[in-house]
Amino acid sequence: MATAFDQLSDQQKTQYRERLSRLGCPDHEGSGLRPRSKNGPIHLSSNPRESAVLPHFLQVHDLDELKALAGVPDSLFDSGAVAAADWEPQEEWPAAREVTNFTSIDPKEARRILNAGRAYVLGPSQRFASYKKAFEKLHMPLVVVTFSLQDVTVSPGNPLILSGDHPIVANFGTVTIVDGGQILVQVEATVNMQVLTKVPDSSPS
């Protein structure tokens, strides 16, 4: 099992670099971390002052762009490779119900539209297409923060923390979790990795 980017197969390296190209962010070779982050939490944040890697800000203008960037391709549902979950909402948005801003809907409808947008990105989009226009009217354009690291090691003393004021899309080559290590997600985030490995803690007790 690969525990470093150099050990990945050619196909895995290609997949990593293709996603890197879509994210538009720098490729941080190896750990790529600022010196202060090598002993302590590995913080990926939209706040440049606290982030272990400088964030890359990307403006997303529609749901299809967001799905391509951070979602699950419809082809995986169409082929049966991924089973569709029981996403909410189940009912379609009424075609005659126009949404112009948040004051034109009630809080319950706002939640329905938000949930449908998430389902559009992470599920089979055609099932939630009736909500697309309403979601984009309310929530687009959307700022997404992107990061890319070839190798990340998460240990008890070095948790990986995703936080900030904007959704995060992170691209990793390998992620190695030492027993007791934690990944703390404090913001909406999509994490892609080629290989995830869990290893025992070999530090002196």
C-alpha atoms as a PDB file:
ATOM      1  CA  MET A   1       0.000   0.000   0.000  1.00  0.00           C
ATOM      2  CA  ALA A   2       1.432   3.367  -1.025  1.00  0.00           C
ATOM      3  CA  THR A   3       2.244   5.753   1.809  1.00  0.00           C
ATOM      4  CA  ALA A   4       3.941   8.408  -0.344  1.00  0.00           C
ATOM      5  CA  PHE A   5       3.110  10.088  -3.632  1.00  0.00           C
ATOM      6  CA  ASP A   6       6.136   8.566  -5.384  1.00  0.00           C
ATOM      7  CA  GLN A   7       4.730   5.098  -4.620  1.00  0.00           C
ATOM      8  CA  LEU A   8       1.416   5.720  -6.373  1.00  0.00           C
ATOM      9  CA  SER A   9       0.669   4.066  -9.690  1.00  0.00           C
ATOM     10  CA  ASP A  10       0.869   6.111 -12.873  1.00  0.00           C
ATOM     11  CA  GLN A  11      -2.940   6.062 -13.062  1.00  0.00           C
ATOM     12  CA  GLN A  12      -3.292   7.380  -9.507  1.00  0.00           C
ATOM     13  CA  LYS A  13      -0.765  10.159 -10.176  1.00  0.00           C
ATOM     14  CA  THR A  14      -2.679  11.097 -13.317  1.00  0.00           C
ATOM     15  CA  GLN A  15      -5.991  11.213 -11.422  1.00  0.00           C
ATOM     16  CA  TYR A  16      -4.410  13.423  -8.752  1.00  0.00           C
ATOM     17  CA  ARG A  17      -2.992  15.838 -11.349  1.00  0.00           C
ATOM     18  CA  GLU A  18      -6.239  15.970 -13.332  1.00  0.00           C
ATOM     19  CA  ARG A  19      -8.123  17.007 -10.205  1.00  0.00           C
ATOM     20  CA  LEU A  20      -5.339  19.470  -9.360  1.00  0.00           C
ATOM     21  CA  SER A  21      -5.867  21.070 -12.765  1.00  0.00           C
ATOM     22  CA  ARG A  22      -9.625  21.410 -12.144  1.00  0.00           C
ATOM     23  CA  LEU A  23      -9.074  22.959  -8.717  1.00  0.00           C
ATOM     24  CA  GLY A  24      -6.659  25.533 -10.095  1.00  0.00           C
ATOM     25  CA  CYS A  25      -4.551  25.572  -6.926  1.00  0.00           C
ATOM     26  CA  PRO A  26      -0.787  25.069  -6.474  1.00  0.00           C
ATOM     27  CA  ASP A  27       0.583  21.571  -6.010  1.00  0.00           C
ATOM     28  CA  HIS A  28       2.419  21.384  -2.690  1.00  0.00           C
ATOM     29  CA  GLU A  29       4.988  18.639  -3.144  1.00  0.00           C
ATOM     30  CA  GLY A  30       5.477  16.192  -0.318  1.00  0.00           C
ATOM     31  CA  SER A  31       3.997  17.507   2.903  1.00  0.00           C
ATOM     32  CA  GLY A  32       4.180  21.047   1.511  1.00  0.00           C
ATOM     33  CA  LEU A  33       3.395  22.508   4.928  1.00  0.00           C
ATOM     34  CA  ARG A  34       4.539  25.775   6.418  1.00  0.00           C
ATOM     35  CA  PRO A  35       7.240  25.133   9.054  1.00  0.00           C
ATOM     36  CA  ARG A  36       4.974  26.071  11.969  1.00  0.00           C
ATOM     37  CA  SER A  37       2.524  23.322  10.948  1.00  0.00           C
ATOM     38  CA  LYS A  38       4.968  20.417  11.065  1.00  0.00           C
ATOM     39  CA  ASN A  39       4.628  19.981  14.816  1.00  0.00           C
ATOM     40  CA  GLY A  40       0.992  20.464  15.738  1.00  0.00           C
ATOM     41  CA  PRO A  41      -2.361  20.597  13.968  1.00  0.00           C
ATOM     42  CA  ILE A  42      -2.380  20.569  10.176  1.00  0.00           C
ATOM     43  CA  HIS A  43      -4.869  23.359   9.637  1.00  0.00           C
ATOM     44  CA  LEU A  44      -6.424  23.907   6.195  1.00  0.00           C
ATOM     45  CA  SER A  45      -8.470  27.075   6.405  1.00  0.00           C
ATOM     46  CA  SER A  46      -9.811  29.899   4.279  1.00  0.00           C
ATOM     47  CA  ASN A  47      -7.948  32.177   6.706  1.00  0.00           C
ATOM     48  CA  PRO A  48      -4.406  32.499   5.287  1.00  0.00           C
ATOM     49  CA  ARG A  49      -3.018  33.437   8.701  1.00  0.00           C
ATOM     50  CA  GLU A  50      -3.885  30.078  10.263  1.00  0.00           C
ATOM     51  CA  SER A  51      -3.738  27.755   7.255  1.00  0.00           C
ATOM     52  CA  ALA A  52      -0.851  25.300   6.908  1.00  0.00           C
ATOM     53  CA  VAL A  53      -1.108  25.813   3.132  1.00  0.00           C
ATOM     54  CA  LEU A  54      -2.083  29.085   1.511  1.00  0.00           C
ATOM     55  CA  PRO A  55      -5.727  28.778   0.406  1.00  0.00           C
ATOM     56  CA  HIS A  56      -6.742  29.157  -3.242  1.00  0.00           C
ATOM     57  CA  PHE A  57     -10.079  30.926  -3.722  1.00  0.00           C
ATOM     58  CA  LEU A  58     -12.276  29.844  -6.600  1.00  0.00           C
ATOM     59  CA  GLN A  59     -15.593  31.425  -7.568  1.00  0.00           C
ATOM     60  CA  VAL A  60     -18.228  28.922  -8.708  1.00  0.00           C
ATOM     61  CA  HIS A  61     -21.121  30.250 -10.771  1.00  0.00           C
ATOM     62  CA  ASP A  62     -23.548  27.336 -11.135  1.00  0.00           C
ATOM     63  CA  LEU A  63     -24.411  23.922  -9.712  1.00  0.00           C
ATOM     64  CA  ASP A  64     -22.948  21.987 -12.638  1.00  0.00           C
ATOM     65  CA  GLU A  65     -19.592  23.680 -12.084  1.00  0.00           C
ATOM     66  CA  LEU A  66     -19.774  22.853  -8.377  1.00  0.00           C
ATOM     67  CA  LYS A  67     -20.672  19.222  -9.134  1.00  0.00           C
ATOM     68  CA  ALA A  68     -17.700  18.891 -11.494  1.00  0.00           C
ATOM     69  CA  LEU A  69     -15.440  20.414  -8.859  1.00  0.00           C
ATOM     70  CA  ALA A  70     -16.618  18.740  -5.658  1.00  0.00           C
ATOM     71  CA  GLY A  71     -19.406  16.289  -6.431  1.00  0.00           C
ATOM     72  CA  VAL A  72     -20.071  12.720  -7.531  1.00  0.00           C
ATOM     73  CA  PRO A  73     -20.338  12.284 -11.337  1.00  0.00           C
ATOM     74  CA  ASP A  74     -23.759  11.257 -12.633  1.00  0.00           C
ATOM     75  CA  SER A  75     -22.055   8.545 -14.699  1.00  0.00           C
ATOM     76  CA  LEU A  76     -21.318   6.595 -11.496  1.00  0.00           C
ATOM     77  CA  PHE A  77     -25.033   6.495 -10.654  1.00  0.00           C
ATOM     78  CA  ASP A  78     -26.029   5.738 -14.245  1.00  0.00           C
ATOM     79  CA  SER A  79     -23.646   2.770 -14.412  1.00  0.00           C
ATOM     80  CA  GLY A  80     -24.654   1.425 -10.989  1.00  0.00           C
ATOM     81  CA  ALA A  81     -21.108   1.855  -9.630  1.00  0.00           C
ATOM     82  CA  VAL A  82     -22.535   4.032  -6.837  1.00  0.00           C
ATOM     83  CA  ALA A  83     -25.943   3.514  -5.272  1.00  0.00           C
ATOM     84  CA  ALA A  84     -28.102   6.615  -4.920  1.00  0.00           C
ATOM     85  CA  ALA A  85     -29.008   7.407  -1.316  1.00  0.00           C
ATOM     86  CA  ASP A  86     -32.458   8.489  -0.164  1.00  0.00           C
ATOM     87  CA  TRP A  87     -31.663  12.130  -0.691  1.00  0.00           C
ATOM     88  CA  GLU A  88     -34.011  14.825   0.525  1.00  0.00           C
ATOM     89  CA  PRO A  89     -36.217  16.371  -0.715  1.00  0.00           C
ATOM     90  CA  GLN A  90     -38.222  13.671  -2.438  1.00  0.00           C
ATOM     91  CA  GLU A  91     -40.705  16.005  -4.146  1.00  0.00           C
ATOM     92  CA  GLU A  92     -39.906  18.307  -7.077  1.00  0.00           C
ATOM     93  CA  TRP A  93     -39.947  22.087  -6.848  1.00  0.00           C
ATOM     94  CA  PRO A  94     -43.169  23.483  -8.423  1.00  0.00           C
ATOM     95  CA  ALA A  95     -42.390  24.945 -11.852  1.00  0.00           C
ATOM     96  CA  ALA A  96     -44.747  27.867 -11.239  1.00  0.00           C
ATOM     97  CA  ARG A  97     -43.114  28.745  -7.880  1.00  0.00           C
ATOM     98  CA  GLU A  98     -40.605  31.469  -8.753  1.00  0.00           C
ATOM     99  CA  VAL A  99     -37.781  32.232  -6.337  1.00  0.00           C
ATOM    100  CA  THR A 100     -36.264  35.696  -6.492  1.00  0.00           C
ATOM    101  CA  ASN A 101     -34.588  36.035  -3.073  1.00  0.00           C
ATOM    102  CA  PHE A 102     -34.865  34.751   0.493  1.00  0.00           C
ATOM    103  CA  THR A 103     -37.819  37.009   1.243  1.00  0.00           C
ATOM    104  CA  SER A 104     -39.847  35.272  -1.487  1.00  0.00           C
ATOM    105  CA  ILE A 105     -39.796  31.932   0.384  1.00  0.00           C
ATOM    106  CA  ASP A 106     -40.328  30.712   3.928  1.00  0.00           C
ATOM    107  CA  PRO A 107     -37.588  29.070   6.072  1.00  0.00           C
ATOM    108  CA  LYS A 108     -38.872  25.561   5.343  1.00  0.00           C
ATOM    109  CA  GLU A 109     -38.661  26.158   1.602  1.00  0.00           C
ATOM    110  CA  ALA A 110     -35.174  27.637   2.005  1.00  0.00           C
ATOM    111  CA  ARG A 111     -34.020  24.422   3.708  1.00  0.00           C
ATOM    112  CA  ARG A 112     -35.583  22.327   0.932  1.00  0.00           C
ATOM    113  CA  ILE A 113     -33.715  24.287  -1.726  1.00  0.00           C
ATOM    114  CA  LEU A 114     -30.426  24.070   0.178  1.00  0.00           C
ATOM    115  CA  ASN A 115     -30.794  20.303   0.678  1.00  0.00           C
ATOM    116  CA  ALA A 116     -31.680  19.862  -2.992  1.00  0.00           C
ATOM    117  CA  GLY A 117     -28.549  21.739  -4.036  1.00  0.00           C
ATOM    118  CA  ARG A 118     -26.380  19.463  -1.927  1.00  0.00           C
ATOM    119  CA  ALA A 119     -28.167  16.425  -3.341  1.00  0.00           C
ATOM    120  CA  TYR A 120     -27.660  17.738  -6.880  1.00  0.00           C
ATOM    121  CA  VAL A 121     -23.910  17.877  -6.278  1.00  0.00           C
ATOM    122  CA  LEU A 122     -23.499  14.613  -4.352  1.00  0.00           C
ATOM    123  CA  GLY A 123     -26.305  12.535  -5.886  1.00  0.00           C
ATOM    124  CA  PRO A 124     -27.904  11.968  -9.294  1.00  0.00           C
ATOM    125  CA  SER A 125     -28.416  15.540 -10.455  1.00  0.00           C
ATOM    126  CA  GLN A 126     -31.386  14.885 -12.749  1.00  0.00           C
ATOM    127  CA  ARG A 127     -33.498  13.947  -9.719  1.00  0.00           C
ATOM    128  CA  PHE A 128     -33.101  17.478  -8.317  1.00  0.00           C
ATOM    129  CA  ALA A 129     -32.969  19.499 -11.526  1.00  0.00           C
ATOM    130  CA  SER A 130     -36.237  21.270 -10.658  1.00  0.00           C
ATOM    131  CA  TYR A 131     -34.396  23.047  -7.808  1.00  0.00           C
ATOM    132  CA  LYS A 132     -31.371  24.137  -9.827  1.00  0.00           C
ATOM    133  CA  LYS A 133     -32.599  27.601 -10.804  1.00  0.00           C
ATOM    134  CA  ALA A 134     -33.837  28.397  -7.287  1.00  0.00           C
ATOM    135  CA  PHE A 135     -30.596  27.250  -5.632  1.00  0.00           C
ATOM    136  CA  GLU A 136     -28.447  29.265  -8.025  1.00  0.00           C
ATOM    137  CA  LYS A 137     -30.611  32.333  -7.473  1.00  0.00           C
ATOM    138  CA  LEU A 138     -30.128  32.113  -3.704  1.00  0.00           C
ATOM    139  CA  HIS A 139     -26.582  30.791  -3.312  1.00  0.00           C
ATOM    140  CA  MET A 140     -24.545  31.510  -6.438  1.00  0.00           C
ATOM    141  CA  PRO A 141     -21.922  32.650  -7.127  1.00  0.00           C
ATOM    142  CA  LEU A 142     -20.238  30.680  -4.347  1.00  0.00           C
ATOM    143  CA  VAL A 143     -16.637  30.979  -3.156  1.00  0.00           C
ATOM    144  CA  VAL A 144     -14.870  27.633  -2.680  1.00  0.00           C
ATOM    145  CA  VAL A 145     -11.421  27.211  -1.136  1.00  0.00           C
ATOM    146  CA  THR A 146      -9.147  24.592  -2.695  1.00  0.00           C
ATOM    147  CA  PHE A 147      -6.001  22.842  -1.458  1.00  0.00           C
ATOM    148  CA  SER A 148      -3.744  20.145  -2.884  1.00  0.00           C
ATOM    149  CA  LEU A 149      -1.078  18.163  -1.032  1.00  0.00           C
ATOM    150  CA  GLN A 150       0.780  15.132  -2.316  1.00  0.00           C
ATOM    151  CA  ASP A 151       1.241  13.553   1.133  1.00  0.00           C
ATOM    152  CA  VAL A 152      -0.430  14.106   4.505  1.00  0.00           C
ATOM    153  CA  THR A 153       0.327  12.249   7.740  1.00  0.00           C
ATOM    154  CA  VAL A 154      -2.205  12.571  10.562  1.00  0.00           C
ATOM    155  CA  SER A 155      -1.022  11.530  14.018  1.00  0.00           C
ATOM    156  CA  PRO A 156      -2.230  12.022  17.610  1.00  0.00           C
ATOM    157  CA  GLY A 157      -0.169  15.212  17.848  1.00  0.00           C
ATOM    158  CA  ASN A 158      -0.933  16.350  14.306  1.00  0.00           C
ATOM    159  CA  PRO A 159      -4.673  16.280  13.590  1.00  0.00           C
ATOM    160  CA  LEU A 160      -5.922  17.477  10.203  1.00  0.00           C
ATOM    161  CA  ILE A 161      -8.431  20.316  10.678  1.00  0.00           C
ATOM    162  CA  LEU A 162     -10.614  21.724   7.895  1.00  0.00           C
ATOM    163  CA  SER A 163     -12.235  25.034   8.818  1.00  0.00           C
ATOM    164  CA  GLY A 164     -13.050  28.548   7.693  1.00  0.00           C
ATOM    165  CA  ASP A 165     -15.789  30.681   6.217  1.00  0.00           C
ATOM    166  CA  HIS A 166     -16.102  28.939   2.823  1.00  0.00           C
ATOM    167  CA  PRO A 167     -16.585  25.343   1.637  1.00  0.00           C
ATOM    168  CA  ILE A 168     -13.334  23.439   1.091  1.00  0.00           C
ATOM    169  CA  VAL A 169     -12.293  21.070  -1.669  1.00  0.00           C
ATOM    170  CA  ALA A 170      -9.066  19.220  -0.818  1.00  0.00           C
ATOM    171  CA  ASN A 171      -7.035  16.987  -3.123  1.00  0.00           C
ATOM    172  CA  PHE A 172      -4.528  14.559  -1.565  1.00  0.00           C
ATOM    173  CA  GLY A 173      -2.243  11.973  -3.072  1.00  0.00           C
ATOM    174  CA  THR A 174      -1.785   9.856   0.061  1.00  0.00           C
ATOM    175  CA  VAL A 175      -3.217  10.268   3.551  1.00  0.00           C
ATOM    176  CA  THR A 176      -1.587   8.223   6.308  1.00  0.00           C
ATOM    177  CA  ILE A 177      -3.406   8.060   9.632  1.00  0.00           C
ATOM    178  CA  VAL A 178      -1.339   6.948  12.606  1.00  0.00           C
ATOM    179  CA  ASP A 179      -3.431   5.215  15.289  1.00  0.00           C
ATOM    180  CA  GLY A 180      -5.063   7.941  17.381  1.00  0.00           C
ATOM    181  CA  GLY A 181      -4.853  10.561  14.624  1.00  0.00           C
ATOM    182  CA  GLN A 182      -7.978  12.567  13.826  1.00  0.00           C
ATOM    183  CA  ILE A 183      -9.473  14.448  10.881  1.00  0.00           C
ATOM    184  CA  LEU A 184     -11.709  17.254  12.166  1.00  0.00           C
ATOM    185  CA  VAL A 185     -14.129  18.749   9.634  1.00  0.00           C
ATOM    186  CA  GLN A 186     -15.586  22.034  10.867  1.00  0.00           C
ATOM    187  CA  VAL A 187     -16.897  23.331   7.528  1.00  0.00           C
ATOM    188  CA  GLU A 188     -18.597  21.867   4.472  1.00  0.00           C
ATOM    189  CA  ALA A 189     -15.819  19.980   2.718  1.00  0.00           C
ATOM    190  CA  THR A 190     -15.080  17.520  -0.056  1.00  0.00           C
ATOM    191  CA  VAL A 191     -11.891  15.488   0.359  1.00  0.00           C
ATOM    192  CA  ASN A 192     -10.415  13.409  -2.452  1.00  0.00           C
ATOM    193  CA  MET A 193      -7.450  11.095  -1.970  1.00  0.00           C
ATOM    194  CA  GLN A 194      -5.801   8.388  -4.027  1.00  0.00           C
ATOM    195  CA  VAL A 195      -4.756   6.228  -1.072  1.00  0.00           C
ATOM    196  CA  LEU A 196      -5.781   6.214   2.605  1.00  0.00           C
ATOM    197  CA  THR A 197      -3.594   4.141   4.920  1.00  0.00           C
ATOM    198  CA  LYS A 198      -3.873   3.484   8.645  1.00  0.00           C
ATOM    199  CA  VAL A 199      -0.706   2.485  10.495  1.00  0.00           C
ATOM    200  CA  PRO A 200       0.134   1.693  14.142  1.00  0.00           C
ATOM    201  CA  ASP A 201       1.698   4.329  16.363  1.00  0.00           C
ATOM    202  CA  SER A 202       5.398   3.496  16.634  1.00  0.00           C
ATOM    203  CA  SER A 203       6.368   6.445  18.846  1.00  0.00           C
ATOM    204  CA  PRO A 204       7.877   5.598  22.258  1.00  0.00           C
ATOM    205  CA  SER A 205       5.235   5.188  24.971  1.00  0.00           C
END
